[in-house]
Amino acid sequence: MDKTIKIRVKKEIDNSNELKVLKLKGCLITKGYTEIIHIADENEDFYYNSFSSSPAHKKEAEDFILDYISIHNLTDTITLLSI
């Protein structure tokens, strides 16, 4: 059974951070953690981005997201919700 991973992404961000967020989503797909990422409004300030990943890849995907957030200084922009 696939596991859902959710991240919260700030809506109002600059172009540089927007590009970093898009690259994160692309990396999640190209690394095979998921095939599609669903986007929904949380409220006027944030989006929910969620995707399903196999149980074998869930922890690896979460670690990748946390590392990406840290390396690209996105702690004010992205929050991992599924840990």
C-alpha atoms as a PDB file:
ATOM      1  CA  MET A   1       0.000   0.000   0.000  1.00  0.00           C
ATOM      2  CA  ASP A   2       1.396   3.379  -0.996  1.00  0.00           C
ATOM      3  CA  LYS A   3       2.104   6.024   1.631  1.00  0.00           C
ATOM      4  CA  THR A   4       1.125   9.655   1.187  1.00  0.00           C
ATOM      5  CA  ILE A   5       3.683  12.384   1.734  1.00  0.00           C
ATOM      6  CA  LYS A   6       2.476  15.960   2.168  1.00  0.00           C
ATOM      7  CA  ILE A   7       4.354  19.222   2.009  1.00  0.00           C
ATOM      8  CA  ARG A   8       3.077  22.737   2.658  1.00  0.00           C
ATOM      9  CA  VAL A   9       4.332  25.376   0.232  1.00  0.00           C
ATOM     10  CA  LYS A  10       4.003  29.101   0.753  1.00  0.00           C
ATOM     11  CA  LYS A  11       2.024  30.793  -2.043  1.00  0.00           C
ATOM     12  CA  GLU A  12       3.719  34.185  -2.138  1.00  0.00           C
ATOM     13  CA  ILE A  13       7.399  33.530  -2.921  1.00  0.00           C
ATOM     14  CA  ASP A  14      10.001  35.179  -5.097  1.00  0.00           C
ATOM     15  CA  ASN A  15      11.007  33.824  -8.503  1.00  0.00           C
ATOM     16  CA  SER A  16      14.200  32.256  -7.204  1.00  0.00           C
ATOM     17  CA  ASN A  17      12.392  30.219  -4.554  1.00  0.00           C
ATOM     18  CA  GLU A  18       9.606  29.338  -6.978  1.00  0.00           C
ATOM     19  CA  LEU A  19      12.206  27.821  -9.305  1.00  0.00           C
ATOM     20  CA  LYS A  20      13.693  25.852  -6.393  1.00  0.00           C
ATOM     21  CA  VAL A  21      10.234  24.499  -5.477  1.00  0.00           C
ATOM     22  CA  LEU A  22       9.624  23.432  -9.085  1.00  0.00           C
ATOM     23  CA  LYS A  23      13.028  21.731  -9.191  1.00  0.00           C
ATOM     24  CA  LEU A  24      12.193  19.839  -5.988  1.00  0.00           C
ATOM     25  CA  LYS A  25       8.971  18.539  -7.527  1.00  0.00           C
ATOM     26  CA  GLY A  26      10.816  17.568 -10.704  1.00  0.00           C
ATOM     27  CA  CYS A  27      13.470  15.734  -8.705  1.00  0.00           C
ATOM     28  CA  LEU A  28      10.829  13.796  -6.773  1.00  0.00           C
ATOM     29  CA  ILE A  29       9.407  12.560 -10.071  1.00  0.00           C
ATOM     30  CA  THR A  30      12.716  11.864 -11.828  1.00  0.00           C
ATOM     31  CA  LYS A  31      14.109   9.993  -8.820  1.00  0.00           C
ATOM     32  CA  GLY A  32      11.067   7.705  -9.009  1.00  0.00           C
ATOM     33  CA  TYR A  33       9.523   8.635  -5.661  1.00  0.00           C
ATOM     34  CA  THR A  34       6.216   9.393  -7.410  1.00  0.00           C
ATOM     35  CA  GLU A  35       4.652   9.870 -10.823  1.00  0.00           C
ATOM     36  CA  ILE A  36       2.346  12.776  -9.998  1.00  0.00           C
ATOM     37  CA  ILE A  37       2.144  15.518  -7.368  1.00  0.00           C
ATOM     38  CA  HIS A  38      -1.279  16.813  -6.366  1.00  0.00           C
ATOM     39  CA  ILE A  39      -1.695  20.477  -5.450  1.00  0.00           C
ATOM     40  CA  ALA A  40      -4.559  21.871  -3.355  1.00  0.00           C
ATOM     41  CA  ASP A  41      -5.212  25.143  -1.567  1.00  0.00           C
ATOM     42  CA  GLU A  42      -4.813  25.010   2.192  1.00  0.00           C
ATOM     43  CA  ASN A  43      -5.765  28.641   2.727  1.00  0.00           C
ATOM     44  CA  GLU A  44      -4.864  32.023   1.237  1.00  0.00           C
ATOM     45  CA  ASP A  45      -1.208  31.649   2.289  1.00  0.00           C
ATOM     46  CA  PHE A  46      -0.283  28.015   1.555  1.00  0.00           C
ATOM     47  CA  TYR A  47      -0.714  25.132  -0.877  1.00  0.00           C
ATOM     48  CA  TYR A  48      -0.712  21.459   0.020  1.00  0.00           C
ATOM     49  CA  ASN A  49       1.402  19.323  -2.287  1.00  0.00           C
ATOM     50  CA  SER A  50       0.914  15.600  -1.817  1.00  0.00           C
ATOM     51  CA  PHE A  51       2.043  12.456  -3.540  1.00  0.00           C
ATOM     52  CA  SER A  52       2.000   8.722  -2.989  1.00  0.00           C
ATOM     53  CA  SER A  53       5.187   6.745  -2.633  1.00  0.00           C
ATOM     54  CA  SER A  54       5.837   3.088  -1.988  1.00  0.00           C
ATOM     55  CA  PRO A  55       6.555   2.159   1.636  1.00  0.00           C
ATOM     56  CA  ALA A  56      10.096   1.209   0.588  1.00  0.00           C
ATOM     57  CA  HIS A  57      10.728   4.746  -0.719  1.00  0.00           C
ATOM     58  CA  LYS A  58       8.751   6.815   1.807  1.00  0.00           C
ATOM     59  CA  LYS A  59      11.586   7.426   4.277  1.00  0.00           C
ATOM     60  CA  GLU A  60      14.090   8.025   1.465  1.00  0.00           C
ATOM     61  CA  ALA A  61      11.736  10.571  -0.162  1.00  0.00           C
ATOM     62  CA  GLU A  62      11.166  12.371   3.149  1.00  0.00           C
ATOM     63  CA  ASP A  63      14.906  12.519   3.819  1.00  0.00           C
ATOM     64  CA  PHE A  64      15.482  13.866   0.306  1.00  0.00           C
ATOM     65  CA  ILE A  65      12.861  16.597   0.846  1.00  0.00           C
ATOM     66  CA  LEU A  66      14.327  17.617   4.218  1.00  0.00           C
ATOM     67  CA  ASP A  67      17.843  17.738   2.766  1.00  0.00           C
ATOM     68  CA  TYR A  68      16.639  19.744  -0.232  1.00  0.00           C
ATOM     69  CA  ILE A  69      14.856  22.247   2.020  1.00  0.00           C
ATOM     70  CA  SER A  70      17.982  22.675   4.126  1.00  0.00           C
ATOM     71  CA  ILE A  71      20.478  22.895   1.247  1.00  0.00           C
ATOM     72  CA  HIS A  72      18.374  25.410  -0.715  1.00  0.00           C
ATOM     73  CA  ASN A  73      17.407  27.527   2.307  1.00  0.00           C
ATOM     74  CA  LEU A  74      13.667  26.909   1.883  1.00  0.00           C
ATOM     75  CA  THR A  75      12.722  26.495   5.554  1.00  0.00           C
ATOM     76  CA  ASP A  76      10.397  29.509   5.364  1.00  0.00           C
ATOM     77  CA  THR A  77       8.849  28.275   2.117  1.00  0.00           C
ATOM     78  CA  ILE A  78       8.341  24.502   2.427  1.00  0.00           C
ATOM     79  CA  THR A  79       7.316  22.331   5.371  1.00  0.00           C
ATOM     80  CA  LEU A  80       7.217  18.533   5.312  1.00  0.00           C
ATOM     81  CA  LEU A  81       3.984  17.470   7.016  1.00  0.00           C
ATOM     82  CA  SER A  82       4.051  13.696   6.943  1.00  0.00           C
ATOM     83  CA  ILE A  83       6.776  12.863   9.479  1.00  0.00           C
END
